[in-house]
PDB file of N, CA and C in Angstrom:
ATOM      1  N   MET A   1      18.955 -22.240   0.649  1.00  0.00           N
ATOM      2  CA  MET A   1      18.172 -22.796   1.771  1.00  0.00           C
ATOM      3  C   MET A   1      16.724 -22.476   1.342  1.00  0.00           C
ATOM      4  N   ALA A   2      15.861 -23.485   1.428  1.00  0.00           N
ATOM      5  CA  ALA A   2      14.477 -23.407   1.007  1.00  0.00           C
ATOM      6  C   ALA A   2      13.719 -23.140   2.320  1.00  0.00           C
ATOM      7  N   PHE A   3      12.851 -22.151   2.319  1.00  0.00           N
ATOM      8  CA  PHE A   3      11.914 -21.940   3.410  1.00  0.00           C
ATOM      9  C   PHE A   3      10.766 -21.200   2.910  1.00  0.00           C
ATOM     10  N   ASP A   4       9.743 -21.122   3.820  1.00  0.00           N
ATOM     11  CA  ASP A   4       8.501 -20.523   3.436  1.00  0.00           C
ATOM     12  C   ASP A   4       8.589 -19.003   3.740  1.00  0.00           C
ATOM     13  N   TYR A   5       8.707 -18.285   2.619  1.00  0.00           N
ATOM     14  CA  TYR A   5       8.911 -16.894   2.604  1.00  0.00           C
ATOM     15  C   TYR A   5       7.890 -16.117   3.411  1.00  0.00           C
ATOM     16  N   ALA A   6       6.574 -16.515   3.058  1.00  0.00           N
ATOM     17  CA  ALA A   6       5.508 -15.864   3.738  1.00  0.00           C
ATOM     18  C   ALA A   6       5.490 -15.969   5.260  1.00  0.00           C
ATOM     19  N   LYS A   7       5.748 -17.204   5.690  1.00  0.00           N
ATOM     20  CA  LYS A   7       5.810 -17.516   7.112  1.00  0.00           C
ATOM     21  C   LYS A   7       6.972 -16.808   7.798  1.00  0.00           C
ATOM     22  N   THR A   8       8.088 -16.705   7.124  1.00  0.00           N
ATOM     23  CA  THR A   8       9.278 -15.956   7.683  1.00  0.00           C
ATOM     24  C   THR A   8       9.003 -14.495   7.742  1.00  0.00           C
ATOM     25  N   ALA A   9       8.366 -14.045   6.651  1.00  0.00           N
ATOM     26  CA  ALA A   9       8.045 -12.508   6.689  1.00  0.00           C
ATOM     27  C   ALA A   9       7.069 -12.239   7.777  1.00  0.00           C
ATOM     28  N   GLY A  10       6.050 -13.041   7.975  1.00  0.00           N
ATOM     29  CA  GLY A  10       5.067 -12.891   9.059  1.00  0.00           C
ATOM     30  C   GLY A  10       5.711 -12.891  10.511  1.00  0.00           C
ATOM     31  N   GLN A  11       6.619 -13.829  10.689  1.00  0.00           N
ATOM     32  CA  GLN A  11       7.236 -13.880  11.957  1.00  0.00           C
ATOM     33  C   GLN A  11       8.156 -12.723  12.170  1.00  0.00           C
ATOM     34  N   ILE A  12       8.919 -12.268  11.133  1.00  0.00           N
ATOM     35  CA  ILE A  12       9.770 -11.111  11.283  1.00  0.00           C
ATOM     36  C   ILE A  12       8.876  -9.885  11.601  1.00  0.00           C
ATOM     37  N   LEU A  13       7.859  -9.699  10.922  1.00  0.00           N
ATOM     38  CA  LEU A  13       6.933  -8.461  11.106  1.00  0.00           C
ATOM     39  C   LEU A  13       6.443  -8.513  12.488  1.00  0.00           C
ATOM     40  N   GLU A  14       6.013  -9.601  12.970  1.00  0.00           N
ATOM     41  CA  GLU A  14       5.478  -9.722  14.361  1.00  0.00           C
ATOM     42  C   GLU A  14       6.571  -9.398  15.363  1.00  0.00           C
ATOM     43  N   MET A  15       7.807  -9.955  15.212  1.00  0.00           N
ATOM     44  CA  MET A  15       8.861  -9.769  16.121  1.00  0.00           C
ATOM     45  C   MET A  15       9.433  -8.400  16.151  1.00  0.00           C
ATOM     46  N   VAL A  16       9.286  -7.596  15.108  1.00  0.00           N
ATOM     47  CA  VAL A  16       9.816  -6.217  15.126  1.00  0.00           C
ATOM     48  C   VAL A  16       8.758  -5.284  15.649  1.00  0.00           C
ATOM     49  N   GLY A  17       7.612  -5.839  16.194  1.00  0.00           N
ATOM     50  CA  GLY A  17       6.591  -4.894  16.697  1.00  0.00           C
ATOM     51  C   GLY A  17       5.322  -4.694  15.866  1.00  0.00           C
ATOM     52  N   GLY A  18       5.321  -5.435  14.742  1.00  0.00           N
ATOM     53  CA  GLY A  18       4.149  -5.338  13.877  1.00  0.00           C
ATOM     54  C   GLY A  18       4.167  -4.090  13.013  1.00  0.00           C
ATOM     55  N   LYS A  19       3.174  -4.037  12.087  1.00  0.00           N
ATOM     56  CA  LYS A  19       3.161  -2.930  11.191  1.00  0.00           C
ATOM     57  C   LYS A  19       3.129  -1.583  11.813  1.00  0.00           C
ATOM     58  N   ALA A  20       2.461  -1.503  12.999  1.00  0.00           N
ATOM     59  CA  ALA A  20       2.443  -0.182  13.748  1.00  0.00           C
ATOM     60  C   ALA A  20       3.750   0.331  14.089  1.00  0.00           C
ATOM     61  N   ASN A  21       4.725  -0.487  14.258  1.00  0.00           N
ATOM     62  CA  ASN A  21       6.171  -0.079  14.665  1.00  0.00           C
ATOM     63  C   ASN A  21       7.044   0.179  13.461  1.00  0.00           C
ATOM     64  N   VAL A  22       6.585  -0.021  12.247  1.00  0.00           N
ATOM     65  CA  VAL A  22       7.418  -0.004  11.049  1.00  0.00           C
ATOM     66  C   VAL A  22       7.120   1.379  10.359  1.00  0.00           C
ATOM     67  N   GLU A  23       8.134   2.304  10.466  1.00  0.00           N
ATOM     68  CA  GLU A  23       8.033   3.555   9.734  1.00  0.00           C
ATOM     69  C   GLU A  23       8.386   3.426   8.215  1.00  0.00           C
ATOM     70  N   GLY A  24       9.371   2.512   8.005  1.00  0.00           N
ATOM     71  CA  GLY A  24       9.802   2.350   6.627  1.00  0.00           C
ATOM     72  C   GLY A  24      10.509   0.997   6.449  1.00  0.00           C
ATOM     73  N   LEU A  25      10.597   0.526   5.271  1.00  0.00           N
ATOM     74  CA  LEU A  25      11.163  -0.851   5.005  1.00  0.00           C
ATOM     75  C   LEU A  25      11.778  -0.782   3.588  1.00  0.00           C
ATOM     76  N   THR A  26      13.070  -1.100   3.550  1.00  0.00           N
ATOM     77  CA  THR A  26      13.769  -1.276   2.252  1.00  0.00           C
ATOM     78  C   THR A  26      14.574  -2.542   2.421  1.00  0.00           C
ATOM     79  N   HIS A  27      15.375  -2.786   1.309  1.00  0.00           N
ATOM     80  CA  HIS A  27      16.245  -3.889   1.426  1.00  0.00           C
ATOM     81  C   HIS A  27      17.471  -3.631   0.570  1.00  0.00           C
ATOM     82  N   CYS A  28      18.592  -4.315   0.878  1.00  0.00           N
ATOM     83  CA  CYS A  28      19.777  -4.313  -0.008  1.00  0.00           C
ATOM     84  C   CYS A  28      19.921  -5.679  -0.506  1.00  0.00           C
ATOM     85  N   ILE A  29      21.135  -6.055  -0.919  1.00  0.00           N
ATOM     86  CA  ILE A  29      21.344  -7.291  -1.467  1.00  0.00           C
ATOM     87  C   ILE A  29      21.143  -8.466  -0.534  1.00  0.00           C
ATOM     88  N   THR A  30      21.393  -8.338   0.759  1.00  0.00           N
ATOM     89  CA  THR A  30      21.302  -9.464   1.704  1.00  0.00           C
ATOM     90  C   THR A  30      20.404  -9.131   2.953  1.00  0.00           C
ATOM     91  N   ARG A  31      19.990  -7.792   3.100  1.00  0.00           N
ATOM     92  CA  ARG A  31      19.405  -7.461   4.326  1.00  0.00           C
ATOM     93  C   ARG A  31      18.036  -6.801   4.127  1.00  0.00           C
ATOM     94  N   LEU A  32      17.159  -7.011   5.088  1.00  0.00           N
ATOM     95  CA  LEU A  32      15.922  -6.168   5.205  1.00  0.00           C
ATOM     96  C   LEU A  32      16.412  -5.016   6.054  1.00  0.00           C
ATOM     97  N   ARG A  33      15.945  -3.788   5.748  1.00  0.00           N
ATOM     98  CA  ARG A  33      16.296  -2.667   6.495  1.00  0.00           C
ATOM     99  C   ARG A  33      15.029  -1.930   6.993  1.00  0.00           C
ATOM    100  N   PHE A  34      14.764  -2.118   8.313  1.00  0.00           N
ATOM    101  CA  PHE A  34      13.626  -1.479   8.877  1.00  0.00           C
ATOM    102  C   PHE A  34      13.926  -0.175   9.560  1.00  0.00           C
ATOM    103  N   MET A  35      13.080   0.815   9.379  1.00  0.00           N
ATOM    104  CA  MET A  35      13.154   2.017  10.162  1.00  0.00           C
ATOM    105  C   MET A  35      11.951   1.886  11.138  1.00  0.00           C
ATOM    106  N   LEU A  36      12.306   1.734  12.388  1.00  0.00           N
ATOM    107  CA  LEU A  36      11.330   1.437  13.404  1.00  0.00           C
ATOM    108  C   LEU A  36      10.982   2.687  14.282  1.00  0.00           C
ATOM    109  N   LYS A  37       9.759   2.799  14.761  1.00  0.00           N
ATOM    110  CA  LYS A  37       9.418   3.818  15.610  1.00  0.00           C
ATOM    111  C   LYS A  37      10.120   3.561  16.991  1.00  0.00           C
ATOM    112  N   ASP A  38      10.028   2.345  17.497  1.00  0.00           N
ATOM    113  CA  ASP A  38      10.683   2.000  18.815  1.00  0.00           C
ATOM    114  C   ASP A  38      11.663   0.895  18.553  1.00  0.00           C
ATOM    115  N   MET A  39      12.988   1.215  18.535  1.00  0.00           N
ATOM    116  CA  MET A  39      14.039   0.149  18.337  1.00  0.00           C
ATOM    117  C   MET A  39      14.109  -0.789  19.524  1.00  0.00           C
ATOM    118  N   GLY A  40      13.412  -0.437  20.634  1.00  0.00           N
ATOM    119  CA  GLY A  40      13.501  -1.364  21.772  1.00  0.00           C
ATOM    120  C   GLY A  40      12.506  -2.543  21.739  1.00  0.00           C
ATOM    121  N   LEU A  41      11.607  -2.457  20.817  1.00  0.00           N
ATOM    122  CA  LEU A  41      10.619  -3.527  20.788  1.00  0.00           C
ATOM    123  C   LEU A  41      11.092  -4.863  20.405  1.00  0.00           C
ATOM    124  N   PRO A  42      11.884  -4.952  19.170  1.00  0.00           N
ATOM    125  CA  PRO A  42      12.299  -6.248  18.848  1.00  0.00           C
ATOM    126  C   PRO A  42      13.251  -6.914  19.806  1.00  0.00           C
ATOM    127  N   LYS A  43      13.174  -8.284  19.942  1.00  0.00           N
ATOM    128  CA  LYS A  43      14.015  -8.998  20.800  1.00  0.00           C
ATOM    129  C   LYS A  43      14.952  -9.738  19.810  1.00  0.00           C
ATOM    130  N   ASP A  44      16.114  -9.296  19.719  1.00  0.00           N
ATOM    131  CA  ASP A  44      17.112  -9.712  18.731  1.00  0.00           C
ATOM    132  C   ASP A  44      17.241 -11.280  18.744  1.00  0.00           C
ATOM    133  N   SER A  45      17.331 -11.849  19.913  1.00  0.00           N
ATOM    134  CA  SER A  45      17.577 -13.269  19.895  1.00  0.00           C
ATOM    135  C   SER A  45      16.411 -14.030  19.433  1.00  0.00           C
ATOM    136  N   GLU A  46      15.188 -13.547  19.546  1.00  0.00           N
ATOM    137  CA  GLU A  46      14.013 -14.240  19.024  1.00  0.00           C
ATOM    138  C   GLU A  46      13.899 -14.076  17.476  1.00  0.00           C
ATOM    139  N   VAL A  47      14.433 -12.848  16.958  1.00  0.00           N
ATOM    140  CA  VAL A  47      14.332 -12.652  15.523  1.00  0.00           C
ATOM    141  C   VAL A  47      15.325 -13.582  14.886  1.00  0.00           C
ATOM    142  N   GLU A  48      16.476 -13.702  15.540  1.00  0.00           N
ATOM    143  CA  GLU A  48      17.463 -14.589  14.990  1.00  0.00           C
ATOM    144  C   GLU A  48      17.126 -16.082  14.981  1.00  0.00           C
ATOM    145  N   LYS A  49      16.136 -16.472  15.662  1.00  0.00           N
ATOM    146  CA  LYS A  49      15.683 -17.897  15.742  1.00  0.00           C
ATOM    147  C   LYS A  49      14.680 -18.202  14.538  1.00  0.00           C
ATOM    148  N   ILE A  50      14.252 -17.164  13.889  1.00  0.00           N
ATOM    149  CA  ILE A  50      13.321 -17.377  12.704  1.00  0.00           C
ATOM    150  C   ILE A  50      13.998 -18.048  11.571  1.00  0.00           C
ATOM    151  N   PRO A  51      13.464 -19.113  11.072  1.00  0.00           N
ATOM    152  CA  PRO A  51      14.056 -19.812   9.920  1.00  0.00           C
ATOM    153  C   PRO A  51      14.330 -18.757   8.843  1.00  0.00           C
ATOM    154  N   GLY A  52      15.553 -18.785   8.344  1.00  0.00           N
ATOM    155  CA  GLY A  52      15.933 -17.911   7.240  1.00  0.00           C
ATOM    156  C   GLY A  52      16.702 -16.754   7.610  1.00  0.00           C
ATOM    157  N   VAL A  53      16.586 -16.370   8.912  1.00  0.00           N
ATOM    158  CA  VAL A  53      17.223 -15.147   9.464  1.00  0.00           C
ATOM    159  C   VAL A  53      18.645 -15.562   9.874  1.00  0.00           C
ATOM    160  N   LEU A  54      19.708 -14.893   9.392  1.00  0.00           N
ATOM    161  CA  LEU A  54      21.128 -15.223   9.745  1.00  0.00           C
ATOM    162  C   LEU A  54      21.570 -14.473  10.957  1.00  0.00           C
ATOM    163  N   ARG A  55      21.188 -13.167  11.062  1.00  0.00           N
ATOM    164  CA  ARG A  55      21.551 -12.344  12.225  1.00  0.00           C
ATOM    165  C   ARG A  55      20.838 -11.036  12.141  1.00  0.00           C
ATOM    166  N   VAL A  56      20.914 -10.276  13.158  1.00  0.00           N
ATOM    167  CA  VAL A  56      20.306  -8.954  13.270  1.00  0.00           C
ATOM    168  C   VAL A  56      21.464  -7.954  13.570  1.00  0.00           C
ATOM    169  N   ILE A  57      21.407  -6.824  12.930  1.00  0.00           N
ATOM    170  CA  ILE A  57      22.332  -5.699  13.091  1.00  0.00           C
ATOM    171  C   ILE A  57      21.512  -4.424  13.303  1.00  0.00           C
ATOM    172  N   LYS A  58      21.964  -3.609  14.260  1.00  0.00           N
ATOM    173  CA  LYS A  58      21.322  -2.233  14.465  1.00  0.00           C
ATOM    174  C   LYS A  58      22.424  -1.229  14.173  1.00  0.00           C
ATOM    175  N   GLN A  59      22.175  -0.491  13.140  1.00  0.00           N
ATOM    176  CA  GLN A  59      23.184   0.478  12.713  1.00  0.00           C
ATOM    177  C   GLN A  59      22.540   1.515  11.804  1.00  0.00           C
ATOM    178  N   GLY A  60      23.020   2.785  11.826  1.00  0.00           N
ATOM    179  CA  GLY A  60      22.585   3.755  11.023  1.00  0.00           C
ATOM    180  C   GLY A  60      21.078   4.152  11.229  1.00  0.00           C
ATOM    181  N   GLY A  61      20.639   3.894  12.417  1.00  0.00           N
ATOM    182  CA  GLY A  61      19.189   4.162  12.777  1.00  0.00           C
ATOM    183  C   GLY A  61      18.340   3.126  12.129  1.00  0.00           C
ATOM    184  N   GLN A  62      18.904   2.013  11.615  1.00  0.00           N
ATOM    185  CA  GLN A  62      18.023   0.962  11.069  1.00  0.00           C
ATOM    186  C   GLN A  62      18.148  -0.331  11.871  1.00  0.00           C
ATOM    187  N   TYR A  63      17.057  -1.092  11.807  1.00  0.00           N
ATOM    188  CA  TYR A  63      17.128  -2.434  12.322  1.00  0.00           C
ATOM    189  C   TYR A  63      17.198  -3.385  11.093  1.00  0.00           C
ATOM    190  N   GLN A  64      18.322  -3.939  10.987  1.00  0.00           N
ATOM    191  CA  GLN A  64      18.656  -4.779   9.767  1.00  0.00           C
ATOM    192  C   GLN A  64      18.643  -6.248  10.131  1.00  0.00           C
ATOM    193  N   VAL A  65      17.829  -6.981   9.241  1.00  0.00           N
ATOM    194  CA  VAL A  65      17.707  -8.421   9.416  1.00  0.00           C
ATOM    195  C   VAL A  65      18.399  -8.989   8.267  1.00  0.00           C
ATOM    196  N   VAL A  66      19.465  -9.764   8.545  1.00  0.00           N
ATOM    197  CA  VAL A  66      20.313 -10.458   7.397  1.00  0.00           C
ATOM    198  C   VAL A  66      19.607 -11.683   7.121  1.00  0.00           C
ATOM    199  N   ILE A  67      19.232 -11.732   5.790  1.00  0.00           N
ATOM    200  CA  ILE A  67      18.542 -12.923   5.246  1.00  0.00           C
ATOM    201  C   ILE A  67      19.494 -13.612   4.292  1.00  0.00           C
ATOM    202  N   GLY A  68      20.283 -12.928   3.468  1.00  0.00           N
ATOM    203  CA  GLY A  68      21.078 -13.546   2.454  1.00  0.00           C
ATOM    204  C   GLY A  68      20.409 -13.396   1.010  1.00  0.00           C
ATOM    205  N   ASN A  69      20.717 -14.330   0.156  1.00  0.00           N
ATOM    206  CA  ASN A  69      20.215 -14.156  -1.204  1.00  0.00           C
ATOM    207  C   ASN A  69      18.645 -14.256  -1.376  1.00  0.00           C
ATOM    208  N   GLU A  70      17.957 -14.719  -0.343  1.00  0.00           N
ATOM    209  CA  GLU A  70      16.547 -14.888  -0.482  1.00  0.00           C
ATOM    210  C   GLU A  70      15.784 -13.589  -0.049  1.00  0.00           C
ATOM    211  N   VAL A  71      16.590 -12.465   0.257  1.00  0.00           N
ATOM    212  CA  VAL A  71      15.965 -11.301   0.846  1.00  0.00           C
ATOM    213  C   VAL A  71      14.934 -10.732  -0.055  1.00  0.00           C
ATOM    214  N   THR A  72      14.974 -10.715  -1.381  1.00  0.00           N
ATOM    215  CA  THR A  72      13.888 -10.157  -2.245  1.00  0.00           C
ATOM    216  C   THR A  72      12.601 -10.807  -2.075  1.00  0.00           C
ATOM    217  N   HIS A  73      12.618 -12.199  -1.825  1.00  0.00           N
ATOM    218  CA  HIS A  73      11.385 -12.953  -1.720  1.00  0.00           C
ATOM    219  C   HIS A  73      10.687 -12.623  -0.381  1.00  0.00           C
ATOM    220  N   VAL A  74      11.524 -12.583   0.610  1.00  0.00           N
ATOM    221  CA  VAL A  74      10.948 -12.187   1.987  1.00  0.00           C
ATOM    222  C   VAL A  74      10.531 -10.744   1.979  1.00  0.00           C
ATOM    223  N   PHE A  75      11.140  -9.786   1.286  1.00  0.00           N
ATOM    224  CA  PHE A  75      10.696  -8.448   1.259  1.00  0.00           C
ATOM    225  C   PHE A  75       9.370  -8.323   0.549  1.00  0.00           C
ATOM    226  N   ALA A  76       9.246  -9.023  -0.547  1.00  0.00           N
ATOM    227  CA  ALA A  76       7.899  -9.068  -1.286  1.00  0.00           C
ATOM    228  C   ALA A  76       6.804  -9.563  -0.414  1.00  0.00           C
ATOM    229  N   GLU A  77       7.018 -10.615   0.381  1.00  0.00           N
ATOM    230  CA  GLU A  77       5.999 -10.999   1.321  1.00  0.00           C
ATOM    231  C   GLU A  77       5.712 -10.008   2.418  1.00  0.00           C
ATOM    232  N   LEU A  78       6.763  -9.391   2.896  1.00  0.00           N
ATOM    233  CA  LEU A  78       6.540  -8.276   3.950  1.00  0.00           C
ATOM    234  C   LEU A  78       5.696  -7.160   3.406  1.00  0.00           C
ATOM    235  N   GLN A  79       5.924  -6.824   2.161  1.00  0.00           N
ATOM    236  CA  GLN A  79       5.202  -5.692   1.477  1.00  0.00           C
ATOM    237  C   GLN A  79       3.709  -6.120   1.409  1.00  0.00           C
ATOM    238  N   LYS A  80       3.492  -7.405   1.173  1.00  0.00           N
ATOM    239  CA  LYS A  80       2.032  -7.823   1.092  1.00  0.00           C
ATOM    240  C   LYS A  80       1.425  -7.747   2.569  1.00  0.00           C
ATOM    241  N   LEU A  81       2.149  -8.281   3.493  1.00  0.00           N
ATOM    242  CA  LEU A  81       1.650  -8.345   4.909  1.00  0.00           C
ATOM    243  C   LEU A  81       1.402  -7.014   5.548  1.00  0.00           C
ATOM    244  N   GLY A  82       2.417  -6.119   5.243  1.00  0.00           N
ATOM    245  CA  GLY A  82       2.387  -4.842   5.871  1.00  0.00           C
ATOM    246  C   GLY A  82       1.566  -3.825   5.103  1.00  0.00           C
ATOM    247  N   ASP A  83       1.200  -4.165   3.940  1.00  0.00           N
ATOM    248  CA  ASP A  83       0.525  -3.239   3.020  1.00  0.00           C
ATOM    249  C   ASP A  83       1.393  -1.962   2.789  1.00  0.00           C
ATOM    250  N   PHE A  84       2.705  -2.260   2.649  1.00  0.00           N
ATOM    251  CA  PHE A  84       3.698  -1.116   2.468  1.00  0.00           C
ATOM    252  C   PHE A  84       3.637  -0.678   1.034  1.00  0.00           C
ATOM    253  N   SER A  85       3.889   0.574   0.805  1.00  0.00           N
ATOM    254  CA  SER A  85       4.012   1.106  -0.529  1.00  0.00           C
ATOM    255  C   SER A  85       5.000   2.286  -0.472  1.00  0.00           C
ATOM    256  N   ASP A  86       5.047   3.113  -1.546  1.00  0.00           N
ATOM    257  CA  ASP A  86       5.950   4.306  -1.574  1.00  0.00           C
ATOM    258  C   ASP A  86       7.363   3.850  -1.226  1.00  0.00           C
ATOM    259  N   GLY A  87       7.759   2.921  -2.071  1.00  0.00           N
ATOM    260  CA  GLY A  87       9.210   2.501  -1.952  1.00  0.00           C
ATOM    261  C   GLY A  87       9.416   1.761  -0.661  1.00  0.00           C
ATOM    262  N   GLY A  88       8.469   1.111  -0.088  1.00  0.00           N
ATOM    263  CA  GLY A  88       8.615   0.348   1.069  1.00  0.00           C
ATOM    264  C   GLY A  88       8.256   1.063   2.398  1.00  0.00           C
ATOM    265  N   ARG A  89       7.838   2.312   2.277  1.00  0.00           N
ATOM    266  CA  ARG A  89       7.505   3.048   3.524  1.00  0.00           C
ATOM    267  C   ARG A  89       6.058   2.715   3.877  1.00  0.00           C
ATOM    268  N   ALA A  90       5.863   2.612   5.135  1.00  0.00           N
ATOM    269  CA  ALA A  90       4.448   2.290   5.578  1.00  0.00           C
ATOM    270  C   ALA A  90       3.574   3.507   5.535  1.00  0.00           C
ATOM    271  N   GLU A  91       2.365   3.335   5.095  1.00  0.00           N
ATOM    272  CA  GLU A  91       1.435   4.367   5.042  1.00  0.00           C
ATOM    273  C   GLU A  91       0.722   4.503   6.407  1.00  0.00           C
ATOM    274  N   ASN A  92       1.447   5.089   7.364  1.00  0.00           N
ATOM    275  CA  ASN A  92       0.894   5.159   8.707  1.00  0.00           C
ATOM    276  C   ASN A  92       0.777   6.604   9.245  1.00  0.00           C
ATOM    277  N   GLY A  93       1.034   7.567   8.317  1.00  0.00           N
ATOM    278  CA  GLY A  93       0.896   8.963   8.735  1.00  0.00           C
ATOM    279  C   GLY A  93       2.050   9.486   9.558  1.00  0.00           C
ATOM    280  N   GLY A  94       2.961   8.702   9.821  1.00  0.00           N
ATOM    281  CA  GLY A  94       4.123   9.072  10.687  1.00  0.00           C
ATOM    282  C   GLY A  94       5.109   9.916   9.822  1.00  0.00           C
ATOM    283  N   PRO A  95       6.002  10.581  10.535  1.00  0.00           N
ATOM    284  CA  PRO A  95       6.978  11.395   9.908  1.00  0.00           C
ATOM    285  C   PRO A  95       7.842  10.623   8.967  1.00  0.00           C
ATOM    286  N   LYS A  96       8.144  11.145   7.796  1.00  0.00           N
ATOM    287  CA  LYS A  96       9.056  10.485   6.897  1.00  0.00           C
ATOM    288  C   LYS A  96      10.305  11.215   6.782  1.00  0.00           C
ATOM    289  N   GLU A  97      11.440  10.598   6.709  1.00  0.00           N
ATOM    290  CA  GLU A  97      12.715  11.208   6.495  1.00  0.00           C
ATOM    291  C   GLU A  97      12.789  11.770   5.111  1.00  0.00           C
ATOM    292  N   ASN A  98      13.451  12.770   4.934  1.00  0.00           N
ATOM    293  CA  ASN A  98      13.641  13.234   3.438  1.00  0.00           C
ATOM    294  C   ASN A  98      14.649  12.312   2.739  1.00  0.00           C
ATOM    295  N   LEU A  99      14.687  12.403   1.481  1.00  0.00           N
ATOM    296  CA  LEU A  99      15.543  11.537   0.639  1.00  0.00           C
ATOM    297  C   LEU A  99      17.029  11.608   1.124  1.00  0.00           C
ATOM    298  N   PHE A 100      17.508  12.804   1.335  1.00  0.00           N
ATOM    299  CA  PHE A 100      18.948  12.927   1.690  1.00  0.00           C
ATOM    300  C   PHE A 100      19.222  12.218   3.021  1.00  0.00           C
ATOM    301  N   SER A 101      18.425  12.386   3.973  1.00  0.00           N
ATOM    302  CA  SER A 101      18.619  11.669   5.247  1.00  0.00           C
ATOM    303  C   SER A 101      18.678  10.154   5.048  1.00  0.00           C
ATOM    304  N   ARG A 102      17.641   9.641   4.254  1.00  0.00           N
ATOM    305  CA  ARG A 102      17.647   8.193   3.985  1.00  0.00           C
ATOM    306  C   ARG A 102      18.884   7.692   3.188  1.00  0.00           C
ATOM    307  N   LEU A 103      19.352   8.506   2.245  1.00  0.00           N
ATOM    308  CA  LEU A 103      20.456   8.169   1.511  1.00  0.00           C
ATOM    309  C   LEU A 103      21.727   8.047   2.406  1.00  0.00           C
ATOM    310  N   CYS A 104      21.893   9.080   3.190  1.00  0.00           N
ATOM    311  CA  CYS A 104      23.057   9.159   4.115  1.00  0.00           C
ATOM    312  C   CYS A 104      23.042   7.957   5.068  1.00  0.00           C
ATOM    313  N   ALA A 105      21.906   7.616   5.632  1.00  0.00           N
ATOM    314  CA  ALA A 105      21.769   6.450   6.565  1.00  0.00           C
ATOM    315  C   ALA A 105      22.163   5.201   5.825  1.00  0.00           C
ATOM    316  N   PHE A 106      21.678   5.043   4.591  1.00  0.00           N
ATOM    317  CA  PHE A 106      21.986   3.864   3.768  1.00  0.00           C
ATOM    318  C   PHE A 106      23.515   3.715   3.456  1.00  0.00           C
ATOM    319  N   VAL A 107      24.054   4.878   2.970  1.00  0.00           N
ATOM    320  CA  VAL A 107      25.499   4.845   2.685  1.00  0.00           C
ATOM    321  C   VAL A 107      26.357   4.534   3.965  1.00  0.00           C
ATOM    322  N   ALA A 108      25.959   5.190   5.103  1.00  0.00           N
ATOM    323  CA  ALA A 108      26.716   4.972   6.333  1.00  0.00           C
ATOM    324  C   ALA A 108      26.628   3.519   6.740  1.00  0.00           C
ATOM    325  N   GLY A 109      25.523   2.881   6.635  1.00  0.00           N
ATOM    326  CA  GLY A 109      25.355   1.443   6.883  1.00  0.00           C
ATOM    327  C   GLY A 109      26.220   0.576   6.047  1.00  0.00           C
ATOM    328  N   CYS A 110      26.184   0.819   4.756  1.00  0.00           N
ATOM    329  CA  CYS A 110      27.050   0.121   3.858  1.00  0.00           C
ATOM    330  C   CYS A 110      28.607   0.248   4.110  1.00  0.00           C
ATOM    331  N   MET A 111      29.010   1.506   4.483  1.00  0.00           N
ATOM    332  CA  MET A 111      30.349   1.792   4.651  1.00  0.00           C
ATOM    333  C   MET A 111      30.860   1.098   6.026  1.00  0.00           C
ATOM    334  N   ARG A 112      30.010   1.092   7.026  1.00  0.00           N
ATOM    335  CA  ARG A 112      30.389   0.407   8.227  1.00  0.00           C
ATOM    336  C   ARG A 112      30.629  -1.137   8.037  1.00  0.00           C
ATOM    337  N   GLU A 113      29.778  -1.736   7.232  1.00  0.00           N
ATOM    338  CA  GLU A 113      29.998  -3.157   6.944  1.00  0.00           C
ATOM    339  C   GLU A 113      31.188  -3.380   6.123  1.00  0.00           C
ATOM    340  N   TYR A 114      31.586  -2.475   5.193  1.00  0.00           N
ATOM    341  CA  TYR A 114      32.760  -2.475   4.345  1.00  0.00           C
ATOM    342  C   TYR A 114      34.001  -2.394   5.305  1.00  0.00           C
ATOM    343  N   GLU A 115      33.964  -1.521   6.189  1.00  0.00           N
ATOM    344  CA  GLU A 115      35.073  -1.235   7.075  1.00  0.00           C
ATOM    345  C   GLU A 115      35.320  -2.526   7.891  1.00  0.00           C
ATOM    346  N   LYS A 116      34.259  -3.194   8.394  1.00  0.00           N
ATOM    347  CA  LYS A 116      34.461  -4.387   9.190  1.00  0.00           C
ATOM    348  C   LYS A 116      35.101  -5.533   8.354  1.00  0.00           C
ATOM    349  N   LYS A 117      34.726  -5.601   7.052  1.00  0.00           N
ATOM    350  CA  LYS A 117      35.332  -6.646   6.188  1.00  0.00           C
ATOM    351  C   LYS A 117      36.762  -6.293   5.856  1.00  0.00           C
ATOM    352  N   SER A 118      37.088  -5.059   5.751  1.00  0.00           N
ATOM    353  CA  SER A 118      38.437  -4.645   5.372  1.00  0.00           C
ATOM    354  C   SER A 118      39.461  -4.823   6.544  1.00  0.00           C
ATOM    355  N   VAL A 119      38.931  -4.697   7.748  1.00  0.00           N
ATOM    356  CA  VAL A 119      39.781  -4.853   8.886  1.00  0.00           C
ATOM    357  C   VAL A 119      40.134  -6.289   9.190  1.00  0.00           C
ATOM    358  N   ASN A 120      39.250  -7.202   8.839  1.00  0.00           N
ATOM    359  CA  ASN A 120      39.421  -8.663   9.092  1.00  0.00           C
ATOM    360  C   ASN A 120      40.270  -9.254   8.036  1.00  0.00           C
TER     361      ASN A 120
END
């Protein structure tokens, strides 16, 4: 699916509450993984209407936006828009989780998705 990565990234960033609401940002093979200050700000149905977004998942303390194979391109545009650095974490002076906490949250998120696929 061809779409404008920069436009999609801009719309996603706006809909999750802007740069000020993002404590951290990473990605996996198909998903953007946001660590948000306020998980109540994003309107899931509006995020899912953005071209290129397949669905939204909230799990493991993360707000995950499923993009699919194009995720690396959208992630790169988000880094430019949000001026993110340090492995995707926003430079906003907010508290950062330690590496172990982030690793546990990531593994838990992956395992939950694996369990769902195994059951079906």
